[in-house]
Structures are given as structure tokens and as C-alpha cells.
Amino acid sequence: MRWLSKERWRPRLATVVVAILIVVMALPLVGLFFFRLYENQLIRQTEGELIAQGAVVAAVYADEVRAAGIPPEKLGAPIAAVHDSADYPYQPIEPSLDLASDYVMPTRPAALPATTDPAFATIGARLDGILDETQKTTLAGFRLLDPHGVVIAGGDEVGLSLGQVEEVRKALSGVYASELRLRIPNQPTPPLYSVSRGTKVRVFVALPVEVAGRVAGVVYLSRTPNNIVKHLYGERGKVTLAAITIVGGTLLIALVFIRTVSRPIYALIERTKRIAAGDREAMRPLDHHGTREMAALSAAFLDMAQKLQARSDSIQTFATHVSHELKSPLTAIQGAAELLRDSGRTMDEAERRRFSNNIVTDAGRLNLLVRRLLELARAENLAPSGESATLTAALALLPVDTRLEARVEAGGDIGLGISGENLAIVLANLIDNSARHGAKQVAISAARAGDRVAVFVGDDGDGISPSNRAKVFEPFFTTRRESGGTGMGLGIVLALLKAHDGTIRLVDSERGTRFEIILPGV
């Protein structure tokens, strides 16, 4: 069954970056219009201004009450004394309204009919003009109330009672109170102002007036807070500068992100396509990496591409060598078989035996070559077993070679990071090569070098000619092909050692051949 995979939609990197930048630019607006931080500050500012104005009116009214000589029994509820330090006699009232958490109460209830004390009405009449003139400048609504909550000055509600209003009732008990209430607009609200919640509320402040430790009245003030849009327009210079800073900062972030992340990624993608198309010139570092991580990613990618290319070249060369090595004996077998078939009746017994022997010999060579290929494949895919061995133990696993003498001269008991079986295979191939090249004895020694061990394998044979020294580790290279050599022994040795984090190289020797093997020590 053929499975069809549908590619999932994924956003482009540029889309993600643009979305992030838009969010970054929108954050100040989110804080402004949704979290009400700035708008709440305007309400706190309005409450603070009303407290300051009310404190002045309360001081003037208190002096008038004292001057009028109104007896204490006509005053209101007692006010609890606040025991402050003599060094700090102040009693500040801090703004406490919060647009985000405080409940916005309905519009202020209408005033109710009431009876006014003539003494307080006289005081109110004297202060009414002052309150009206002050309102023209501060735009705040002033109501001066007697100890029973009856309006004695301010606006058109003189003679009516506001004692039933929540904040006024608290102030008559001697406690400062403030509330947010829905406002009743006296003209249509501009459409642009509708984005502001502050245009729909009005701040009410009620300050008790203290005379002789009792409530002599209440200064009741109200005002609509400054509209946020109008305020921002008034601060348009600063707002414009802030907007330019935000946009400039966002563009700077975009530039840094594109230069350090986006551009190197797209360059790496383009480089990948070129390498996949077989362009070897693309296997070079990027012109601009941007970040350390991108440089590491690029280096790892190029290293992988180079290793894959080298692997591909090695496989191609190996396939060429294998086909050549297999072709020669197969051709000989085919030729001998055809001669036996076509000339079987006219060929004498000696010739028939010669051709039959050729077929057997070439078939044996093919069999040996296949075994060697399997051994090489097994060695290249071998995983370290974690076992260890010594030279003495590995040599004991080898059959006695009557062609030469192999002995350990030094370091026979040093532990090596390779299993005894694999170390025996390495030594067997090297000893077999020595025997094939006229050696009579092989000397093996080992010495520690830090956490590594250097193993030297030398013989007294014919040695390797200077022209062949660079080719000894190439697959299928041999100078004894006519005697059955496959040229794969050193390839198997190299693969086994590489699988165990080891190396091998040909070193100079006064006589014969000498190899140096480096393996982890145990």
C-alpha cells in the first residue's frame, strides 16, 4: 500500500518575526487601553486635586464656624483623635480610587427636602460666592454641607439634603470617603472618546470638617477626570516621541533578528539545495553566521555534508574496485568453462584438468574475496563492546604460524581498549602480511602514553617500496595478487581500530615494515 503524506502547514520564519514585532509594538497600547494603567493614574490625579481643594474649603469653613460661635451640641458626630508624633503633626489623605478594581456606583441620588439651621445657612451664604468663583477655575463641583448633610452652599441644591448619599454618610461619621459614579453628560461624547472608560465616570470626594473634635460639616466635591485621549493630545509631543522610540526599537529588533537569525537560516537552506544538486563549491562556511549557535549549526552541517560526500566517493571507489576484483576471476571462470564445453571431445585429459583447476582456483579466490568483504563490512559497523585485552592474550588466540616467529618484546600485560578477538584479528592480518613479504620474525611491543597505548608491530621482511607506502591502506591494493592476496587485510585492520577509537600508520624502520597502532589504554 502506498501512503501519501500531506505536508502540514507551518508559518514562515518571516511571518513569525512580523507577528512578534506587531505584538511588541502593541504592548504599550494594551497597557494603555486594556489594563487602564494610565487612565487610572488620571483618576488618582483628579482625586488628589479634589482632596487639595476640599482641604482649603474645609479650613475656611471651620474658621467661619468657630467665628460664628456655634455651640458643640449643634455639631455632628465626634471624630476620633489621631495620636501623631509631635515631630510630625500632619494628617495627609492619599488618593485611593482604582478604576480597575473599584465598583463604579450608579449616578448620585437626587437631593431630598430638608430643614436648614439658620446659623449654618448664614455661613453658607457668605461662602457660596467663593465656591462659584472657584468652580469656574477648577471645573470641580462644590457642595458645602452642614453637620446633618443639608446643602448650605454651592450649586442649585441649597436647602436640600444629601445625607443619604453613601460617601456623604461616611464623611458625616468623621471618615474621609471617595467614590466613582456614573456621570450624566450634559453634551454628547465625541466618538473618539468612547475608547476611554474614564469619560463615563465622575469622581466624588467627601471631606469631614472638624471643629472642637466634632463634625462641623462636609465639603462634597466632584469632577470628571481628564479624558485620556484629550490628555494624550495635550502631551502629543511626548507621545509622538514615545511612538517613534517604539517603532525605532521594533525596527532595530527586526534588523538584529533578520541579520542574526533569518538571513543565516535562508543562506543555509540555499546552500543545502546547492549541495544536494552536487555543487561541491557550496561546501564552504557561510559568509555571515549571525550567532554562535548558527555558526555551530553551519559547521556541523558542513562537516556532515563533507563526510557524506567523502562516504559517497569512498563507496563509488569501493564499488569500482569490487566490480574489477570480481570481474577478473569471473571472466577466467567463464572462459575456462566455455572452452571445456566447446572443446570437451578434442581436449586431452591434461588440458581438461588444467582448465578445471583454473576454475577451482578462481572460484576459491571469489569465495575468499566475498569473505573478506563480509569481514570488512562487519568491522566498519562494529560497535565497541567495552571489553579489554592484552597483547599476550591476543597472541594466544592465534594458531602457530610455521612461516615465522611472533614474539612480544615489551608491554605484553598492558590493557588495551579492544576485545581479545578483535585484537587477534588485527595482529593476524599484520602477521600474515609480514609472512607474505618474506619476513621470518615479527616483534611486537607496547608502551603507555597518558591514557593511550602505542603498539608497534615490526618485521624483518622485504619492506614496502617508497612508491607504495602511500597506497598500503587503499582497498584492494596488493603486490601479491598472483599468490592469492586480496588487498583488504589492512582495510579490515583500519576499520576495526577506528571502531575502537584507534589509529594505525606506517612508520619508518631500518629494516622490514613497522606499523604504529594507537589504542585507548585500560
Protein backbone atom coordinates (compact mmCIF):
# COMPACT_ATOMS: atom_id res chain seq x y z
CA MET A 1 0.00 0.00 0.00
CA ARG A 2 1.24 3.43 -0.87
CA TRP A 3 0.98 6.01 1.85
CA LEU A 4 0.53 9.62 0.81
CA SER A 5 1.79 12.11 3.38
CA LYS A 6 0.22 15.52 3.35
CA GLU A 7 2.58 18.31 4.30
CA ARG A 8 1.42 20.22 7.36
CA TRP A 9 1.09 23.97 7.11
CA ARG A 10 3.78 25.78 9.02
CA PRO A 11 4.32 29.53 9.20
CA ARG A 12 7.37 31.04 7.60
CA LEU A 13 10.05 32.45 9.85
CA ALA A 14 9.40 35.93 8.45
CA THR A 15 5.71 35.61 9.39
CA VAL A 16 6.57 34.65 12.94
CA VAL A 17 9.02 37.55 13.23
CA VAL A 18 6.47 40.06 11.91
CA ALA A 19 3.83 38.72 14.34
CA ILE A 20 6.25 39.05 17.26
CA LEU A 21 7.15 42.60 16.24
CA ILE A 22 3.48 43.58 15.96
CA VAL A 23 2.88 42.22 19.46
CA VAL A 24 5.90 44.17 20.73
CA MET A 25 4.54 47.39 19.22
CA ALA A 26 1.05 46.69 20.58
CA LEU A 27 2.16 46.08 24.16
CA PRO A 28 2.12 49.81 25.12
CA LEU A 29 -1.38 50.13 23.65
CA VAL A 30 -2.51 47.03 25.51
CA GLY A 31 -1.27 48.51 28.74
CA LEU A 32 -2.93 51.83 27.89
CA PHE A 33 -6.41 50.72 26.82
CA PHE A 34 -6.89 47.33 28.49
CA PHE A 35 -5.02 47.47 31.77
CA ARG A 36 -6.06 51.11 32.35
CA LEU A 37 -2.77 51.98 33.93
CA TYR A 38 -2.54 55.47 32.52
CA GLU A 39 -6.26 56.13 32.81
CA ASN A 40 -6.25 55.05 36.45
CA GLN A 41 -3.43 57.49 37.07
CA LEU A 42 -5.63 60.30 35.75
CA ILE A 43 -8.40 59.30 38.19
CA ARG A 44 -5.91 59.25 41.08
CA GLN A 45 -4.70 62.66 39.95
CA THR A 46 -8.28 64.01 39.90
CA GLU A 47 -8.97 62.63 43.39
CA GLY A 48 -5.77 64.21 44.68
CA GLU A 49 -6.74 67.60 43.23
CA LEU A 50 -10.21 67.39 44.81
CA ILE A 51 -8.68 66.49 48.19
CA ALA A 52 -6.39 69.54 47.99
CA GLN A 53 -9.24 71.89 47.02
CA GLY A 54 -11.55 70.40 49.64
CA ALA A 55 -8.94 70.82 52.36
CA VAL A 56 -8.74 74.55 51.65
CA VAL A 57 -12.52 74.98 51.65
CA ALA A 58 -12.77 72.91 54.85
CA ALA A 59 -10.23 75.15 56.59
CA VAL A 60 -12.13 78.30 55.59
CA TYR A 61 -15.45 76.80 56.65
CA ALA A 62 -14.04 75.67 60.01
CA ASP A 63 -12.86 79.23 60.73
CA GLU A 64 -16.34 80.55 59.89
CA VAL A 65 -17.96 78.03 62.27
CA ARG A 66 -15.59 79.00 65.09
CA ALA A 67 -16.16 82.72 64.41
CA ALA A 68 -19.93 82.24 64.50
CA GLY A 69 -19.67 80.69 67.97
CA ILE A 70 -21.89 77.74 67.17
CA PRO A 71 -22.20 75.58 70.30
CA PRO A 72 -20.86 71.97 70.26
CA GLU A 73 -24.33 70.47 70.69
CA LYS A 74 -25.26 71.72 67.19
CA LEU A 75 -22.25 69.97 65.65
CA GLY A 76 -22.26 66.41 64.38
CA ALA A 77 -20.63 63.14 65.37
CA PRO A 78 -17.35 63.16 67.31
CA ILE A 79 -14.18 62.49 65.39
CA ALA A 80 -11.71 60.04 66.88
CA ALA A 81 -8.45 61.74 67.81
CA VAL A 82 -5.42 60.69 65.80
CA HIS A 83 -2.33 60.49 68.03
CA ASP A 84 0.54 61.54 65.80
CA SER A 85 4.09 62.24 66.78
CA ALA A 86 4.73 65.78 67.89
CA ASP A 87 7.52 65.96 65.32
CA TYR A 88 5.09 65.05 62.51
CA PRO A 89 1.70 66.73 63.07
CA TYR A 90 0.45 66.18 59.51
CA GLN A 91 -2.53 64.05 58.55
CA PRO A 92 -2.28 63.53 54.78
CA ILE A 93 -5.12 61.94 52.82
CA GLU A 94 -3.85 59.81 49.95
CA PRO A 95 -5.91 59.11 46.79
CA SER A 96 -7.35 55.59 46.99
CA LEU A 97 -9.63 55.13 43.97
CA ASP A 98 -8.79 52.36 41.49
CA LEU A 99 -10.61 52.17 38.18
CA ALA A 100 -9.55 48.55 37.67
CA SER A 101 -10.88 47.17 40.98
CA ASP A 102 -13.35 49.66 42.48
CA TYR A 103 -17.03 49.22 41.75
CA VAL A 104 -18.48 52.11 39.76
CA MET A 105 -21.63 53.16 41.59
CA PRO A 106 -24.78 54.50 39.92
CA THR A 107 -25.29 58.20 39.40
CA ARG A 108 -25.57 60.28 42.55
CA PRO A 109 -29.04 60.13 44.15
CA ALA A 110 -31.11 63.31 43.99
CA ALA A 111 -31.13 65.62 47.00
CA LEU A 112 -34.09 65.39 49.39
CA PRO A 113 -36.05 68.19 51.07
CA ALA A 114 -34.75 69.20 54.49
CA THR A 115 -34.72 71.93 57.13
CA THR A 116 -31.67 74.21 57.35
CA ASP A 117 -30.22 75.58 60.57
CA PRO A 118 -30.13 79.39 60.18
CA ALA A 119 -26.65 79.64 61.72
CA PHE A 120 -25.15 77.28 59.15
CA ALA A 121 -27.27 78.83 56.32
CA THR A 122 -25.70 82.21 57.11
CA ILE A 123 -22.20 80.80 56.87
CA GLY A 124 -23.11 79.05 53.61
CA ALA A 125 -24.45 82.27 52.11
CA ARG A 126 -21.15 84.02 52.82
CA LEU A 127 -19.11 81.21 51.17
CA ASP A 128 -21.40 80.49 48.22
CA GLY A 129 -19.88 83.17 46.00
CA ILE A 130 -16.37 81.95 46.75
CA LEU A 131 -17.31 78.40 45.76
CA ASP A 132 -18.88 79.56 42.50
CA GLU A 133 -15.78 81.55 41.52
CA THR A 134 -13.52 78.63 42.43
CA GLN A 135 -15.60 76.23 40.32
CA LYS A 136 -15.12 78.41 37.24
CA THR A 137 -11.36 77.88 37.51
CA THR A 138 -11.05 74.31 38.80
CA LEU A 139 -14.13 72.90 36.99
CA ALA A 140 -14.97 70.97 40.16
CA GLY A 141 -18.47 70.80 41.61
CA PHE A 142 -18.61 72.12 45.22
CA ARG A 143 -21.27 71.36 47.83
CA LEU A 144 -20.86 72.61 51.41
CA LEU A 145 -22.99 70.58 53.85
CA ASP A 146 -23.93 71.22 57.47
CA PRO A 147 -23.50 68.54 60.21
CA HIS A 148 -26.78 66.91 59.08
CA GLY A 149 -25.90 66.66 55.38
CA VAL A 150 -28.01 69.66 54.24
CA VAL A 151 -26.51 71.74 51.42
CA ILE A 152 -25.78 75.27 52.61
CA ALA A 153 -23.63 76.48 49.68
CA GLY A 154 -22.76 75.50 46.13
CA GLY A 155 -24.98 74.94 43.10
CA ASP A 156 -28.79 74.92 42.97
CA GLU A 157 -29.35 72.31 45.72
CA VAL A 158 -29.08 74.72 48.68
CA GLY A 159 -31.56 73.72 51.36
CA LEU A 160 -31.77 70.10 50.21
CA SER A 161 -30.24 67.11 51.98
CA LEU A 162 -27.53 64.78 50.60
CA GLY A 163 -27.18 62.85 53.87
CA GLN A 164 -28.47 59.67 52.24
CA VAL A 165 -25.57 59.52 49.78
CA GLU A 166 -23.06 56.79 50.69
CA GLU A 167 -19.87 58.85 50.70
CA VAL A 168 -21.59 61.75 52.47
CA ARG A 169 -22.91 59.44 55.20
CA LYS A 170 -19.35 58.19 55.82
CA ALA A 171 -18.00 61.75 55.97
CA LEU A 172 -20.75 62.76 58.48
CA SER A 173 -19.43 59.98 60.70
CA GLY A 174 -15.97 61.58 60.61
CA VAL A 175 -14.31 59.41 57.92
CA TYR A 176 -12.96 60.57 54.56
CA ALA A 177 -14.75 58.86 51.66
CA SER A 178 -14.49 58.84 47.87
CA GLU A 179 -16.43 57.02 45.15
CA LEU A 180 -16.55 56.53 41.42
CA ARG A 181 -20.02 57.13 39.99
CA LEU A 182 -21.52 57.07 36.55
CA ARG A 183 -21.64 60.58 35.18
CA ILE A 184 -24.57 62.26 33.48
CA PRO A 185 -23.11 64.01 30.41
CA ASN A 186 -24.57 67.39 29.60
CA GLN A 187 -23.48 67.05 25.94
CA PRO A 188 -22.81 64.18 23.50
CA THR A 189 -19.47 62.41 23.97
CA PRO A 190 -17.15 62.66 20.92
CA PRO A 191 -16.82 59.23 19.20
CA LEU A 192 -13.06 59.13 19.74
CA TYR A 193 -13.54 59.48 23.49
CA SER A 194 -15.59 56.27 23.64
CA VAL A 195 -12.37 54.21 23.89
CA SER A 196 -11.85 55.66 27.35
CA ARG A 197 -13.72 54.25 30.33
CA GLY A 198 -12.83 57.38 32.26
CA THR A 199 -15.26 59.50 30.21
CA LYS A 200 -18.18 57.59 31.77
CA VAL A 201 -17.34 58.16 35.45
CA ARG A 202 -17.15 61.06 37.84
CA VAL A 203 -15.01 61.25 40.97
CA PHE A 204 -16.82 62.20 44.22
CA VAL A 205 -14.92 63.19 47.37
CA ALA A 206 -16.41 63.90 50.81
CA LEU A 207 -14.17 65.51 53.47
CA PRO A 208 -15.42 65.91 57.03
CA VAL A 209 -14.78 69.34 58.61
CA GLU A 210 -13.55 69.13 62.20
CA VAL A 211 -14.30 71.75 64.84
CA ALA A 212 -13.68 71.04 68.52
CA GLY A 213 -13.31 67.32 67.83
CA ARG A 214 -16.71 67.03 66.15
CA VAL A 215 -18.02 67.06 62.57
CA ALA A 216 -18.99 70.64 61.71
CA GLY A 217 -19.92 69.79 58.13
CA VAL A 218 -18.79 68.14 54.93
CA VAL A 219 -17.07 69.51 51.86
CA TYR A 220 -18.52 67.47 48.99
CA LEU A 221 -16.67 67.78 45.68
CA SER A 222 -16.94 66.09 42.30
CA ARG A 223 -15.27 66.27 38.93
CA THR A 224 -14.95 64.24 35.74
CA PRO A 225 -11.35 63.05 35.30
CA ASN A 226 -9.35 64.30 32.38
CA ASN A 227 -10.09 62.24 29.25
CA ILE A 228 -7.18 60.02 28.28
CA VAL A 229 -7.42 60.87 24.57
CA LYS A 230 -7.61 64.59 25.34
CA HIS A 231 -4.72 64.26 27.75
CA LEU A 232 -2.62 62.38 25.22
CA TYR A 233 -3.37 65.05 22.66
CA GLY A 234 -2.14 67.62 25.11
CA GLU A 235 1.02 65.55 25.51
CA ARG A 236 1.25 64.82 21.79
CA GLY A 237 4.90 65.83 21.63
CA LYS A 238 5.90 63.26 24.22
CA VAL A 239 3.51 60.68 22.78
CA THR A 240 4.98 61.18 19.31
CA LEU A 241 8.49 60.80 20.69
CA ALA A 242 7.44 57.62 22.51
CA ALA A 243 5.83 56.25 19.33
CA ILE A 244 8.96 56.99 17.33
CA THR A 245 11.04 55.27 20.01
CA ILE A 246 8.77 52.20 19.96
CA VAL A 247 8.76 51.96 16.17
CA GLY A 248 12.51 52.58 16.01
CA GLY A 249 13.17 49.98 18.70
CA THR A 250 10.94 47.48 16.89
CA LEU A 251 12.72 48.08 13.60
CA LEU A 252 16.05 47.69 15.35
CA ILE A 253 14.88 44.37 16.83
CA ALA A 254 13.74 43.29 13.36
CA LEU A 255 17.09 44.25 11.84
CA VAL A 256 19.04 42.36 14.52
CA PHE A 257 16.77 39.32 14.20
CA ILE A 258 16.99 39.25 10.42
CA ARG A 259 20.77 39.67 10.44
CA THR A 260 21.49 37.18 13.22
CA VAL A 261 18.82 34.51 12.62
CA SER A 262 16.73 34.85 9.47
CA ARG A 263 19.44 35.60 6.90
CA PRO A 264 21.84 32.82 8.02
CA ILE A 265 18.96 30.29 8.03
CA TYR A 266 17.91 31.16 4.48
CA ALA A 267 21.56 31.12 3.39
CA LEU A 268 21.96 27.66 4.92
CA ILE A 269 18.80 26.44 3.15
CA GLU A 270 20.10 27.74 -0.20
CA ARG A 271 23.50 26.14 0.49
CA THR A 272 21.75 22.83 1.27
CA LYS A 273 19.95 22.88 -2.08
CA ARG A 274 23.21 23.52 -3.91
CA ILE A 275 24.98 20.67 -2.11
CA ALA A 276 22.04 18.35 -2.84
CA ALA A 277 22.38 19.29 -6.52
CA GLY A 278 26.02 18.17 -6.44
CA ASP A 279 27.71 21.57 -6.23
CA ARG A 280 30.96 20.88 -4.37
CA GLU A 281 31.76 24.61 -4.31
CA ALA A 282 28.89 25.06 -1.85
CA MET A 283 30.79 23.11 0.82
CA ARG A 284 32.30 26.15 2.48
CA PRO A 285 31.39 28.23 5.55
CA LEU A 286 28.64 30.84 5.33
CA ASP A 287 29.68 34.45 4.74
CA HIS A 288 27.68 35.56 7.79
CA HIS A 289 26.68 33.35 10.72
CA GLY A 290 24.99 35.88 13.00
CA THR A 291 25.12 33.94 16.27
CA ARG A 292 27.39 31.38 17.88
CA GLU A 293 24.66 28.73 17.67
CA MET A 294 24.16 29.37 13.97
CA ALA A 295 27.92 29.13 13.40
CA ALA A 296 27.96 25.80 15.25
CA LEU A 297 24.95 24.58 13.24
CA SER A 298 26.58 25.63 9.97
CA ALA A 299 29.87 23.97 10.91
CA ALA A 300 28.08 20.75 11.92
CA PHE A 301 26.09 20.77 8.69
CA LEU A 302 29.15 21.33 6.51
CA ASP A 303 31.05 18.65 8.41
CA MET A 304 28.17 16.22 7.84
CA ALA A 305 27.97 17.18 4.14
CA GLN A 306 31.73 16.68 3.70
CA LYS A 307 31.60 13.31 5.46
CA LEU A 308 28.64 12.20 3.35
CA GLN A 309 30.44 13.33 0.21
CA ALA A 310 33.59 11.51 1.27
CA ARG A 311 31.47 8.47 2.08
CA SER A 312 29.83 8.67 -1.33
CA ASP A 313 33.21 8.96 -3.05
CA SER A 314 34.52 6.04 -0.98
CA ILE A 315 31.50 3.90 -1.88
CA GLN A 316 31.89 4.76 -5.55
CA THR A 317 35.60 3.91 -5.50
CA PHE A 318 34.94 0.79 -3.46
CA ALA A 319 32.23 -0.34 -5.90
CA THR A 320 34.62 0.20 -8.78
CA HIS A 321 37.32 -1.87 -7.09
CA VAL A 322 34.90 -4.63 -6.12
CA SER A 323 33.49 -4.88 -9.63
CA HIS A 324 37.04 -5.05 -11.00
CA GLU A 325 38.14 -7.69 -8.48
CA LEU A 326 35.06 -9.81 -9.13
CA LYS A 327 35.21 -9.36 -12.87
CA SER A 328 38.70 -10.88 -13.33
CA PRO A 329 38.03 -14.32 -11.77
CA LEU A 330 34.51 -14.43 -13.21
CA THR A 331 35.90 -13.78 -16.69
CA ALA A 332 38.51 -16.50 -16.22
CA ILE A 333 35.91 -18.96 -14.95
CA GLN A 334 33.58 -18.16 -17.84
CA GLY A 335 36.40 -18.55 -20.40
CA ALA A 336 37.57 -21.87 -18.97
CA ALA A 337 34.03 -23.18 -18.76
CA GLU A 338 33.32 -22.23 -22.39
CA LEU A 339 36.50 -23.95 -23.56
CA LEU A 340 35.57 -27.10 -21.64
CA ARG A 341 32.10 -27.03 -23.16
CA ASP A 342 33.14 -26.34 -26.76
CA SER A 343 36.32 -28.44 -26.85
CA GLY A 344 35.39 -31.24 -24.48
CA ARG A 345 35.76 -34.04 -27.07
CA THR A 346 39.01 -32.84 -28.67
CA MET A 347 40.71 -31.72 -25.43
CA ASP A 348 43.09 -34.18 -23.81
CA GLU A 349 42.96 -35.03 -20.12
CA ALA A 350 45.88 -32.77 -19.13
CA GLU A 351 44.29 -29.67 -20.68
CA ARG A 352 40.91 -30.52 -19.17
CA ARG A 353 42.49 -30.85 -15.74
CA ARG A 354 44.36 -27.55 -16.19
CA PHE A 355 41.19 -25.66 -17.07
CA SER A 356 39.28 -27.33 -14.25
CA ASN A 357 41.99 -26.33 -11.79
CA ASN A 358 41.77 -22.74 -13.08
CA ILE A 359 38.03 -22.74 -12.41
CA VAL A 360 38.52 -24.11 -8.89
CA THR A 361 41.30 -21.59 -8.17
CA ASP A 362 39.29 -18.60 -9.40
CA ALA A 363 36.18 -19.80 -7.54
CA GLY A 364 38.27 -20.04 -4.38
CA ARG A 365 39.53 -16.51 -4.99
CA LEU A 366 35.91 -15.31 -5.34
CA ASN A 367 34.98 -17.10 -2.13
CA LEU A 368 37.92 -15.51 -0.31
CA LEU A 369 37.04 -12.10 -1.71
CA VAL A 370 33.43 -12.39 -0.56
CA ARG A 371 34.54 -13.45 2.93
CA ARG A 372 36.90 -10.51 3.09
CA LEU A 373 34.10 -8.15 2.02
CA LEU A 374 31.86 -9.50 4.78
CA GLU A 375 34.66 -9.11 7.32
CA LEU A 376 35.24 -5.52 6.19
CA ALA A 377 31.53 -4.70 6.40
CA ARG A 378 31.35 -6.25 9.87
CA ALA A 379 34.41 -4.28 11.01
CA GLU A 380 33.06 -0.95 9.69
CA ASN A 381 29.75 -1.43 11.52
CA LEU A 382 31.25 -2.77 14.73
CA ALA A 383 30.24 -1.09 17.99
CA PRO A 384 32.74 -1.05 20.87
CA SER A 385 31.95 -3.84 23.34
CA GLY A 386 33.74 -2.28 26.30
CA GLU A 387 35.97 -5.34 26.63
CA SER A 388 39.73 -5.16 27.05
CA ALA A 389 42.67 -7.43 26.22
CA THR A 390 46.46 -7.64 26.29
CA LEU A 391 48.94 -8.44 23.53
CA THR A 392 49.89 -11.72 25.24
CA ALA A 393 46.27 -12.86 25.48
CA ALA A 394 45.53 -11.89 21.86
CA LEU A 395 48.57 -13.78 20.51
CA ALA A 396 47.49 -16.86 22.44
CA LEU A 397 44.28 -16.90 20.35
CA LEU A 398 46.25 -17.18 17.09
CA PRO A 399 47.27 -20.52 15.58
CA VAL A 400 51.03 -21.18 15.43
CA ASP A 401 52.40 -19.81 12.17
CA THR A 402 55.18 -22.08 10.93
CA ARG A 403 56.34 -19.47 8.46
CA LEU A 404 57.69 -17.03 11.08
CA GLU A 405 58.13 -16.33 14.77
CA ALA A 406 55.93 -13.69 16.51
CA ARG A 407 57.02 -12.52 19.97
CA VAL A 408 56.13 -9.74 22.43
CA GLU A 409 59.20 -7.76 23.43
CA ALA A 410 57.64 -5.30 25.89
CA GLY A 411 54.26 -4.24 27.32
CA GLY A 412 52.60 -7.62 26.88
CA ASP A 413 50.45 -7.14 30.00
CA ILE A 414 49.25 -3.57 29.28
CA GLY A 415 45.44 -3.42 28.99
CA LEU A 416 44.05 -2.25 25.63
CA GLY A 417 40.51 -0.96 24.97
CA ILE A 418 39.63 -3.66 22.44
CA SER A 419 38.34 -7.21 22.78
CA GLY A 420 40.83 -10.06 22.54
CA GLU A 421 39.09 -11.50 19.45
CA ASN A 422 39.29 -8.21 17.52
CA LEU A 423 42.89 -7.56 18.63
CA ALA A 424 43.75 -11.07 17.44
CA ILE A 425 42.22 -10.28 14.02
CA VAL A 426 44.36 -7.10 13.80
CA LEU A 427 47.56 -8.96 14.70
CA ALA A 428 46.72 -11.92 12.42
CA ASN A 429 46.35 -9.67 9.38
CA LEU A 430 49.60 -7.84 10.11
CA ILE A 431 51.50 -11.09 10.74
CA ASP A 432 50.07 -12.64 7.57
CA ASN A 433 51.21 -9.61 5.54
CA SER A 434 54.70 -9.95 7.05
CA ALA A 435 54.86 -13.65 6.14
CA ARG A 436 53.73 -12.92 2.55
CA HIS A 437 56.55 -10.36 2.19
CA GLY A 438 59.43 -12.61 3.23
CA ALA A 439 59.62 -11.93 6.99
CA LYS A 440 60.99 -14.57 9.36
CA GLN A 441 60.08 -12.93 12.65
CA VAL A 442 57.67 -10.27 13.95
CA ALA A 443 58.44 -8.15 17.02
CA ILE A 444 55.54 -6.59 18.98
CA SER A 445 55.83 -4.05 21.82
CA ALA A 446 53.55 -1.67 23.71
CA ALA A 447 54.08 1.49 25.80
CA ARG A 448 51.70 3.82 27.61
CA ALA A 449 51.38 7.48 26.57
CA GLY A 450 48.92 9.07 29.01
CA ASP A 451 45.51 7.44 28.61
CA ARG A 452 46.56 5.92 25.26
CA VAL A 453 48.79 2.98 24.41
CA ALA A 454 51.18 2.84 21.44
CA VAL A 455 51.62 -0.64 19.95
CA PHE A 456 54.47 -1.25 17.48
CA VAL A 457 54.42 -4.22 15.09
CA GLY A 458 57.63 -4.66 13.05
CA ASP A 459 59.14 -7.42 10.89
CA ASP A 460 62.39 -8.23 9.12
CA GLY A 461 60.85 -8.77 5.69
CA ASP A 462 61.34 -7.06 2.36
CA GLY A 463 59.68 -3.85 3.46
CA ILE A 464 57.47 -1.55 1.39
CA SER A 465 58.86 0.45 -1.51
CA PRO A 466 58.64 4.26 -1.28
CA SER A 467 56.21 4.35 -4.22
CA ASN A 468 53.77 2.00 -2.44
CA ARG A 469 53.91 3.45 1.08
CA ALA A 470 51.05 5.87 0.42
CA LYS A 471 48.83 3.11 -1.02
CA VAL A 472 49.03 0.42 1.63
CA PHE A 473 45.70 1.35 3.26
CA GLU A 474 43.80 1.71 -0.02
CA PRO A 475 41.17 -1.03 -0.54
CA PHE A 476 42.25 -3.89 -2.87
CA PHE A 477 45.83 -2.63 -3.16
CA THR A 478 48.23 -5.61 -3.11
CA THR A 479 51.54 -6.63 -4.64
CA ARG A 480 50.82 -10.35 -4.17
CA ARG A 481 47.65 -10.78 -6.19
CA GLU A 482 49.08 -13.79 -8.05
CA SER A 483 49.58 -15.59 -4.72
CA GLY A 484 46.02 -15.00 -3.52
CA GLY A 485 46.32 -11.54 -1.95
CA THR A 486 43.06 -9.51 -1.89
CA GLY A 487 44.44 -6.16 -0.69
CA MET A 488 41.75 -5.97 2.02
CA GLY A 489 43.70 -7.05 5.11
CA LEU A 490 44.87 -3.57 6.12
CA GLY A 491 41.42 -2.19 5.29
CA ILE A 492 39.89 -4.58 7.81
CA VAL A 493 42.57 -3.63 10.36
CA LEU A 494 41.90 0.08 9.83
CA ALA A 495 38.12 -0.38 10.20
CA LEU A 496 38.47 -2.44 13.38
CA LEU A 497 40.80 0.09 15.01
CA LYS A 498 38.62 3.04 14.01
CA ALA A 499 35.61 1.30 15.60
CA HIS A 500 37.58 1.18 18.88
CA ASP A 501 38.78 4.81 18.70
CA GLY A 502 42.17 3.69 17.46
CA THR A 503 44.52 4.55 14.59
CA ILE A 504 47.26 2.88 12.59
CA ARG A 505 50.06 4.30 10.48
CA LEU A 506 53.19 3.14 8.71
CA VAL A 507 56.39 4.40 10.37
CA ASP A 508 59.99 4.42 9.24
CA SER A 509 62.13 1.37 10.01
CA GLU A 510 65.76 0.44 9.34
CA ARG A 511 64.64 -2.95 8.08
CA GLY A 512 61.36 -4.52 7.03
CA THR A 513 58.00 -2.94 7.80
CA ARG A 514 56.89 -1.27 11.02
CA PHE A 515 53.35 -0.14 11.98
CA GLU A 516 52.32 2.06 14.90
CA ILE A 517 48.89 1.39 16.44
CA ILE A 518 47.32 3.79 18.95
CA LEU A 519 44.52 2.45 21.18
CA PRO A 520 42.81 3.60 24.39
CA GLY A 521 44.50 2.23 27.49
CA VAL A 522 42.74 0.40 30.29
